[in-house]
Amino acid sequence: MPIKVLIVDDSALIRSLLGEIVNSEKDMYLVGAAPDAYAARDFVNRFSPDVITLDIEMPKVDGLTFLEKLMKAHPTPVLMISTLTERGANATLRALELGAIDYIAKPKLGIAQGIEEYRQLIADKIRIAAQAKVKALAKPKFANTSKLNYSGTEKIIAVGASTGGTEAIKEFLMQLPSNSPAVVITQHMPPGFTTSYAKRLNTLCKLNVTEAQGGERILPGNAYLAPGSFHLLIERSGADYRLRLSDSALVSGHKPSVDVMFNSLAKCAAQNTVAVILTGMGKDGAAGMFSLHQHGAYTLAQDEASCVVYGMPKEAINLGGVDTVLSLNAMAPAVVKYLQSVNAGSRI
């Protein structure tokens, strides 16, 4: 059965371009192109689309309001059409909180040319969304991890994720105590979005969350997010660990790449690393996690039932690089329990 796609956008040009892309794919079928939320509601009720592409800024009813109502009445995989601005990034992050699966960044200039360049990306994201699990909006139930009998700078928690990862990372970090070992994070996101995402996480977590700048000494109580379009690496510097950013080529199809971050830790800090791989499409991070596992790291993967897209964790498990498979809400308590058991003392 072809994937039934509904396009919702107030721009006639965007509707036309996206519609042409959908119609050119043999496994997709365009059920409609709606200029506003009211028309979109009628299409949803009439055709029950498998995937909806949704613009955030629309007349009458904005995309976020429509999305929130849609997820309550007719949960459907949604891809947001986002602008690469701070306002667009914040709105997109809110959409992901409300249940959107992923987003497509709208090009700033030359929209027709930009959309054409993104043709394969758009088609791939629609296919991923069609297979993804729509999560009902609910407040996560967190275990009590407010205390950690650990103080030192040796241990590092490394987290990698992609599709569905913004919410998964948020849930994981919110359960870590303020004196947690440092956390390094690679989430597939474009420039600008990572800046807004780090700021948003910092307001929600006990840890101090920042976008990595490069050169920082890694310290407990802090989480460092790879900036969009730069790989994040960890290197040994004397008795310390420090961050380095690299503008080298894509790895595993991504920049930032989880494999790059994991492999850098395998070289300098494997036995001091707790590596976590969360929801995401593809296999980025699987090889790096296997290398970490081979060199003595403790490795965890999110289970299929709690993943939005069971791609990256599945690949890591199949490769044999995972010690423990857990649901998302059990991940942080398991990491804390492990750190309690291997308390290495204090070295600040």
Protein backbone atom coordinates (compact mmCIF):
# COMPACT_ATOMS: atom_id res chain seq x y z
CA MET A 1 0.00 0.00 0.00
CA PRO A 2 1.38 3.45 -0.90
CA ILE A 3 1.99 5.97 1.88
CA LYS A 4 -0.90 8.45 2.01
CA VAL A 5 0.55 11.95 2.43
CA LEU A 6 -1.22 15.20 3.32
CA ILE A 7 0.60 18.51 2.80
CA VAL A 8 -0.43 21.45 4.99
CA ASP A 9 1.17 24.79 4.11
CA ASP A 10 -0.12 28.29 3.45
CA SER A 11 2.41 28.75 0.62
CA ALA A 12 1.04 27.64 -2.75
CA LEU A 13 4.63 27.26 -3.98
CA ILE A 14 5.60 24.91 -1.13
CA ARG A 15 2.39 22.91 -1.59
CA SER A 16 3.13 22.55 -5.28
CA LEU A 17 6.79 21.58 -4.79
CA LEU A 18 6.14 19.08 -2.02
CA GLY A 19 3.18 17.65 -3.92
CA GLU A 20 5.32 17.09 -6.99
CA ILE A 21 7.94 15.28 -4.89
CA VAL A 22 5.32 13.04 -3.28
CA ASN A 23 3.68 12.22 -6.60
CA SER A 24 7.04 11.35 -8.16
CA GLU A 25 7.64 8.58 -5.60
CA LYS A 26 6.08 5.24 -6.52
CA ASP A 27 5.42 4.28 -2.89
CA MET A 28 3.58 7.50 -2.00
CA TYR A 29 0.18 8.96 -2.76
CA LEU A 30 -0.85 12.60 -2.25
CA VAL A 31 -4.31 12.72 -0.66
CA GLY A 32 -4.44 16.50 -0.53
CA ALA A 33 -2.69 19.85 -0.12
CA ALA A 34 -4.34 22.10 2.45
CA PRO A 35 -3.68 25.87 2.77
CA ASP A 36 -4.84 26.05 6.39
CA ALA A 37 -5.79 24.01 9.44
CA TYR A 38 -9.50 23.91 8.65
CA ALA A 39 -8.95 22.38 5.24
CA ALA A 40 -6.36 20.05 6.79
CA ARG A 41 -8.90 18.83 9.37
CA ASP A 42 -11.32 17.93 6.60
CA PHE A 43 -8.63 16.00 4.72
CA VAL A 44 -7.64 14.13 7.91
CA ASN A 45 -11.23 13.12 8.62
CA ARG A 46 -11.82 12.08 5.03
CA PHE A 47 -8.58 10.25 4.14
CA SER A 48 -6.78 9.35 7.42
CA PRO A 49 -3.32 10.13 5.97
CA ASP A 50 -0.31 8.05 7.00
CA VAL A 51 1.97 11.11 7.15
CA ILE A 52 1.32 14.86 7.32
CA THR A 53 3.82 17.58 6.42
CA LEU A 54 2.88 20.65 8.43
CA ASP A 55 4.00 24.26 8.25
CA ILE A 56 4.35 26.02 11.60
CA GLU A 57 3.34 29.50 10.47
CA MET A 58 -0.16 29.47 8.98
CA PRO A 59 -3.17 31.82 9.01
CA LYS A 60 -6.28 31.28 11.15
CA VAL A 61 -4.82 28.42 13.24
CA ASP A 62 -1.03 28.06 13.56
CA GLY A 63 0.70 24.73 13.03
CA LEU A 64 1.45 24.10 16.70
CA THR A 65 -2.18 24.55 17.73
CA PHE A 66 -3.32 22.25 14.92
CA LEU A 67 -0.67 19.67 15.85
CA GLU A 68 -1.71 19.62 19.51
CA LYS A 69 -5.37 19.09 18.58
CA LEU A 70 -4.45 16.47 15.96
CA MET A 71 -2.43 14.41 18.43
CA LYS A 72 -5.33 14.32 20.86
CA ALA A 73 -8.05 13.52 18.32
CA HIS A 74 -6.29 11.63 15.52
CA PRO A 75 -2.62 10.79 16.32
CA THR A 76 -0.70 10.82 13.04
CA PRO A 77 3.01 10.91 12.11
CA VAL A 78 3.83 14.55 11.36
CA LEU A 79 6.84 16.15 9.67
CA MET A 80 7.18 19.85 10.45
CA ILE A 81 8.29 22.27 7.75
CA SER A 82 10.63 24.58 9.66
CA THR A 83 12.58 27.75 8.98
CA LEU A 84 16.28 27.88 9.88
CA THR A 85 15.87 30.72 12.35
CA GLU A 86 15.93 30.91 16.14
CA ARG A 87 12.17 31.41 16.17
CA GLY A 88 11.71 28.51 13.76
CA ALA A 89 14.00 26.28 15.83
CA ASN A 90 12.12 27.00 19.05
CA ALA A 91 8.78 26.34 17.40
CA THR A 92 10.09 23.11 15.90
CA LEU A 93 11.35 21.90 19.27
CA ARG A 94 7.92 22.63 20.72
CA ALA A 95 6.36 20.65 17.85
CA LEU A 96 8.58 17.67 18.67
CA GLU A 97 7.43 17.92 22.29
CA LEU A 98 3.84 17.82 21.07
CA GLY A 99 4.45 14.61 19.14
CA ALA A 100 5.84 15.51 15.70
CA ILE A 101 8.19 12.80 14.42
CA ASP A 102 10.75 14.98 12.66
CA TYR A 103 11.16 18.16 10.67
CA ILE A 104 12.31 19.36 7.27
CA ALA A 105 14.24 22.63 7.22
CA LYS A 106 12.80 25.08 4.68
CA PRO A 107 15.61 26.66 2.61
CA LYS A 108 16.15 30.38 3.20
CA LEU A 109 16.79 31.40 -0.41
CA GLY A 110 15.70 30.00 -3.74
CA ILE A 111 12.90 27.86 -2.33
CA ALA A 112 12.23 25.94 -5.55
CA GLN A 113 15.91 25.07 -5.98
CA GLY A 114 16.31 24.32 -2.27
CA ILE A 115 13.37 21.94 -2.15
CA GLU A 116 14.66 20.20 -5.27
CA GLU A 117 18.04 19.64 -3.58
CA TYR A 118 16.21 18.17 -0.59
CA ARG A 119 14.06 15.86 -2.74
CA GLN A 120 15.65 12.62 -1.53
CA LEU A 121 15.80 13.83 2.08
CA ILE A 122 12.11 14.72 2.04
CA ALA A 123 11.10 11.40 0.52
CA ASP A 124 13.26 9.49 3.01
CA LYS A 125 11.83 11.38 5.97
CA ILE A 126 8.28 10.69 4.82
CA ARG A 127 9.10 6.97 4.63
CA ILE A 128 10.67 7.04 8.11
CA ALA A 129 7.69 8.92 9.55
CA ALA A 130 5.28 6.37 8.04
CA GLN A 131 7.04 3.63 10.01
CA ALA A 132 7.56 5.59 13.21
CA LYS A 133 5.62 5.19 16.41
CA VAL A 134 3.43 8.15 17.29
CA LYS A 135 3.88 8.92 20.95
CA ALA A 136 0.89 10.20 22.89
CA LEU A 137 1.65 13.45 24.68
CA ALA A 138 2.16 12.57 28.32
CA LYS A 139 4.27 13.77 31.19
CA PRO A 140 7.14 11.29 31.70
CA LYS A 141 7.27 9.42 34.99
CA PHE A 142 10.74 9.85 36.36
CA ALA A 143 12.48 7.62 38.87
CA ASN A 144 14.16 9.28 41.84
CA THR A 145 17.75 9.84 40.76
CA SER A 146 18.32 13.02 42.74
CA LYS A 147 21.37 11.67 44.58
CA LEU A 148 24.51 10.07 43.24
CA ASN A 149 27.25 8.85 45.54
CA TYR A 150 29.95 9.75 43.07
CA SER A 151 32.41 12.61 42.75
CA GLY A 152 35.16 12.67 40.16
CA THR A 153 36.09 13.71 36.65
CA GLU A 154 37.13 10.34 35.24
CA LYS A 155 33.74 9.10 34.04
CA ILE A 156 31.99 10.40 30.91
CA ILE A 157 28.44 9.65 29.76
CA ALA A 158 28.14 9.75 25.96
CA VAL A 159 24.73 9.91 24.27
CA GLY A 160 23.88 9.56 20.57
CA ALA A 161 20.48 9.87 18.88
CA SER A 162 18.64 10.92 15.73
CA THR A 163 14.92 10.78 14.79
CA GLY A 164 12.89 11.06 18.00
CA GLY A 165 16.05 11.87 19.90
CA THR A 166 15.31 15.41 21.02
CA GLU A 167 12.61 14.21 23.40
CA ALA A 168 14.48 11.02 24.35
CA ILE A 169 17.63 12.95 25.27
CA LYS A 170 15.55 15.44 27.25
CA GLU A 171 13.90 12.64 29.22
CA PHE A 172 17.27 10.96 29.87
CA LEU A 173 19.02 14.15 31.00
CA MET A 174 16.15 15.28 33.22
CA GLN A 175 16.65 12.16 35.34
CA LEU A 176 20.37 12.73 35.93
CA PRO A 177 21.40 14.40 39.21
CA SER A 178 23.28 17.68 39.34
CA ASN A 179 26.54 15.97 40.36
CA SER A 180 26.43 13.53 37.44
CA PRO A 181 29.61 12.89 35.49
CA ALA A 182 29.91 15.03 32.38
CA VAL A 183 27.62 14.16 29.47
CA VAL A 184 28.59 14.58 25.81
CA ILE A 185 25.78 14.47 23.27
CA THR A 186 25.49 14.10 19.52
CA GLN A 187 21.99 14.58 18.08
CA HIS A 188 21.49 14.93 14.32
CA MET A 189 20.41 18.58 13.98
CA PRO A 190 21.29 21.51 11.71
CA PRO A 191 23.13 24.67 12.85
CA GLY A 192 21.01 27.03 14.91
CA PHE A 193 18.69 24.28 16.04
CA THR A 194 21.37 22.89 18.36
CA THR A 195 21.81 26.33 19.94
CA SER A 196 18.11 26.58 20.75
CA TYR A 197 17.98 22.94 21.84
CA ALA A 198 20.86 23.36 24.31
CA LYS A 199 19.20 26.44 25.80
CA ARG A 200 15.91 24.59 26.15
CA LEU A 201 17.56 21.58 27.84
CA ASN A 202 19.41 23.89 30.21
CA THR A 203 16.12 25.29 31.54
CA LEU A 204 14.75 21.79 32.21
CA CYS A 205 17.68 19.78 33.58
CA LYS A 206 19.65 19.77 36.83
CA LEU A 207 22.81 19.68 34.74
CA ASN A 208 24.30 22.76 33.10
CA VAL A 209 23.65 22.15 29.38
CA THR A 210 25.58 24.09 26.73
CA GLU A 211 26.38 23.87 23.05
CA ALA A 212 30.02 22.75 22.78
CA GLN A 213 32.46 25.46 21.71
CA GLY A 214 35.63 23.36 21.50
CA GLY A 215 38.54 23.42 23.90
CA GLU A 216 36.47 23.07 27.08
CA ARG A 217 37.69 20.89 29.91
CA ILE A 218 35.01 18.28 30.53
CA LEU A 219 33.66 18.68 34.06
CA PRO A 220 30.99 16.95 36.19
CA GLY A 221 27.57 18.57 36.35
CA ASN A 222 27.79 19.67 32.73
CA ALA A 223 26.33 18.39 29.47
CA TYR A 224 27.85 19.39 26.14
CA LEU A 225 25.85 19.22 22.88
CA ALA A 226 27.55 18.87 19.49
CA PRO A 227 26.78 21.95 17.39
CA GLY A 228 25.10 21.46 14.04
CA SER A 229 27.55 20.83 11.16
CA PHE A 230 30.49 20.05 13.46
CA HIS A 231 31.69 16.69 14.76
CA LEU A 232 32.26 16.54 18.52
CA LEU A 233 35.39 14.71 19.68
CA ILE A 234 36.83 14.04 23.14
CA GLU A 235 40.59 14.06 23.60
CA ARG A 236 42.98 13.48 26.48
CA SER A 237 44.95 16.53 27.60
CA GLY A 238 47.32 15.59 30.40
CA ALA A 239 45.15 14.46 33.28
CA ASP A 240 42.03 16.00 31.75
CA TYR A 241 39.55 15.33 28.97
CA ARG A 242 38.77 18.17 26.58
CA LEU A 243 36.35 18.78 23.71
CA ARG A 244 37.33 19.37 20.11
CA LEU A 245 35.15 20.35 17.16
CA SER A 246 35.90 19.13 13.65
CA ASP A 247 34.57 20.46 10.35
CA SER A 248 35.68 17.34 8.46
CA ALA A 249 33.53 15.36 6.03
CA LEU A 250 30.27 13.61 6.87
CA VAL A 251 30.64 10.26 8.64
CA SER A 252 27.89 7.64 8.44
CA GLY A 253 26.03 10.27 6.41
CA HIS A 254 26.01 12.83 9.20
CA LYS A 255 27.77 15.82 10.70
CA PRO A 256 27.72 15.77 13.67
CA SER A 257 28.18 12.00 13.74
CA VAL A 258 27.66 9.73 16.73
CA ASP A 259 30.34 7.38 15.37
CA VAL A 260 32.93 10.17 15.43
CA MET A 261 32.16 11.00 19.07
CA PHE A 262 32.07 7.35 20.17
CA ASN A 263 35.27 6.48 18.30
CA SER A 264 37.13 9.40 19.87
CA LEU A 265 36.13 8.12 23.31
CA ALA A 266 37.19 4.58 22.39
CA LYS A 267 40.70 5.93 21.74
CA CYS A 268 41.19 7.90 24.94
CA ALA A 269 38.57 7.05 27.57
CA ALA A 270 36.80 3.76 26.78
CA GLN A 271 37.03 2.25 30.27
CA ASN A 272 35.74 5.51 31.75
CA THR A 273 32.81 5.82 29.33
CA VAL A 274 29.15 4.97 29.72
CA ALA A 275 27.73 5.06 26.17
CA VAL A 276 24.01 5.37 25.42
CA ILE A 277 22.40 5.04 22.00
CA LEU A 278 18.82 6.19 21.62
CA THR A 279 16.08 6.28 18.99
CA GLY A 280 17.07 7.14 15.44
CA MET A 281 17.04 6.03 11.82
CA GLY A 282 20.10 4.45 10.23
CA LYS A 283 23.25 3.03 11.76
CA ASP A 284 25.28 6.03 12.91
CA GLY A 285 26.84 5.18 16.27
CA ALA A 286 26.68 1.39 15.92
CA ALA A 287 30.32 0.93 14.86
CA GLY A 288 31.54 3.46 17.41
CA MET A 289 29.61 1.77 20.19
CA PHE A 290 31.06 -1.59 19.19
CA SER A 291 34.56 -0.11 19.43
CA LEU A 292 33.77 1.33 22.86
CA HIS A 293 32.38 -2.02 23.98
CA GLN A 294 35.50 -3.82 22.76
CA HIS A 295 37.69 -1.44 24.75
CA GLY A 296 35.83 -1.78 28.05
CA ALA A 297 33.04 0.82 28.04
CA TYR A 298 29.63 0.13 29.55
CA THR A 299 27.11 0.39 26.71
CA LEU A 300 23.32 0.74 26.72
CA ALA A 301 20.72 0.85 23.94
CA GLN A 302 17.09 1.93 23.98
CA ASP A 303 14.62 -0.89 23.44
CA GLU A 304 12.31 -1.16 20.44
CA ALA A 305 9.10 -0.58 22.37
CA SER A 306 10.13 2.88 23.60
CA CYS A 307 11.86 4.06 20.38
CA VAL A 308 10.18 6.36 17.90
CA VAL A 309 12.41 4.77 15.24
CA TYR A 310 14.24 1.55 16.13
CA GLY A 311 17.18 1.97 13.78
CA MET A 312 20.40 3.06 15.49
CA PRO A 313 19.86 0.98 18.66
CA LYS A 314 18.97 -2.08 16.58
CA GLU A 315 22.14 -1.74 14.49
CA ALA A 316 24.30 -1.40 17.61
CA ILE A 317 22.67 -4.45 19.20
CA ASN A 318 23.03 -6.53 16.03
CA LEU A 319 26.70 -5.59 15.81
CA GLY A 320 27.28 -6.95 19.31
CA GLY A 321 28.32 -3.70 20.95
CA VAL A 322 25.59 -3.39 23.59
CA ASP A 323 25.75 -4.60 27.19
CA THR A 324 22.23 -3.64 28.25
CA VAL A 325 18.94 -2.96 26.44
CA LEU A 326 16.40 -0.90 28.38
CA SER A 327 13.30 1.23 27.96
CA LEU A 328 13.93 4.96 27.83
CA ASN A 329 12.60 5.70 31.31
CA ALA A 330 14.83 2.98 32.81
CA MET A 331 18.01 4.24 31.14
CA ALA A 332 19.08 7.03 33.50
CA PRO A 333 18.42 5.02 36.69
CA ALA A 334 20.51 2.17 35.24
CA VAL A 335 23.37 4.55 34.46
CA VAL A 336 23.23 6.02 37.96
CA LYS A 337 23.18 2.53 39.50
CA TYR A 338 26.21 1.53 37.44
CA LEU A 339 28.13 4.65 38.44
CA GLN A 340 27.34 3.99 42.09
CA SER A 341 28.78 0.50 41.71
CA VAL A 342 32.06 1.65 40.14
CA ASN A 343 32.63 4.79 42.20
CA ALA A 344 36.23 5.63 41.43
CA GLY A 345 36.69 8.24 44.10
CA SER A 346 37.45 11.87 43.52
CA ARG A 347 39.89 13.66 41.27
CA ILE A 348 38.90 17.24 40.45
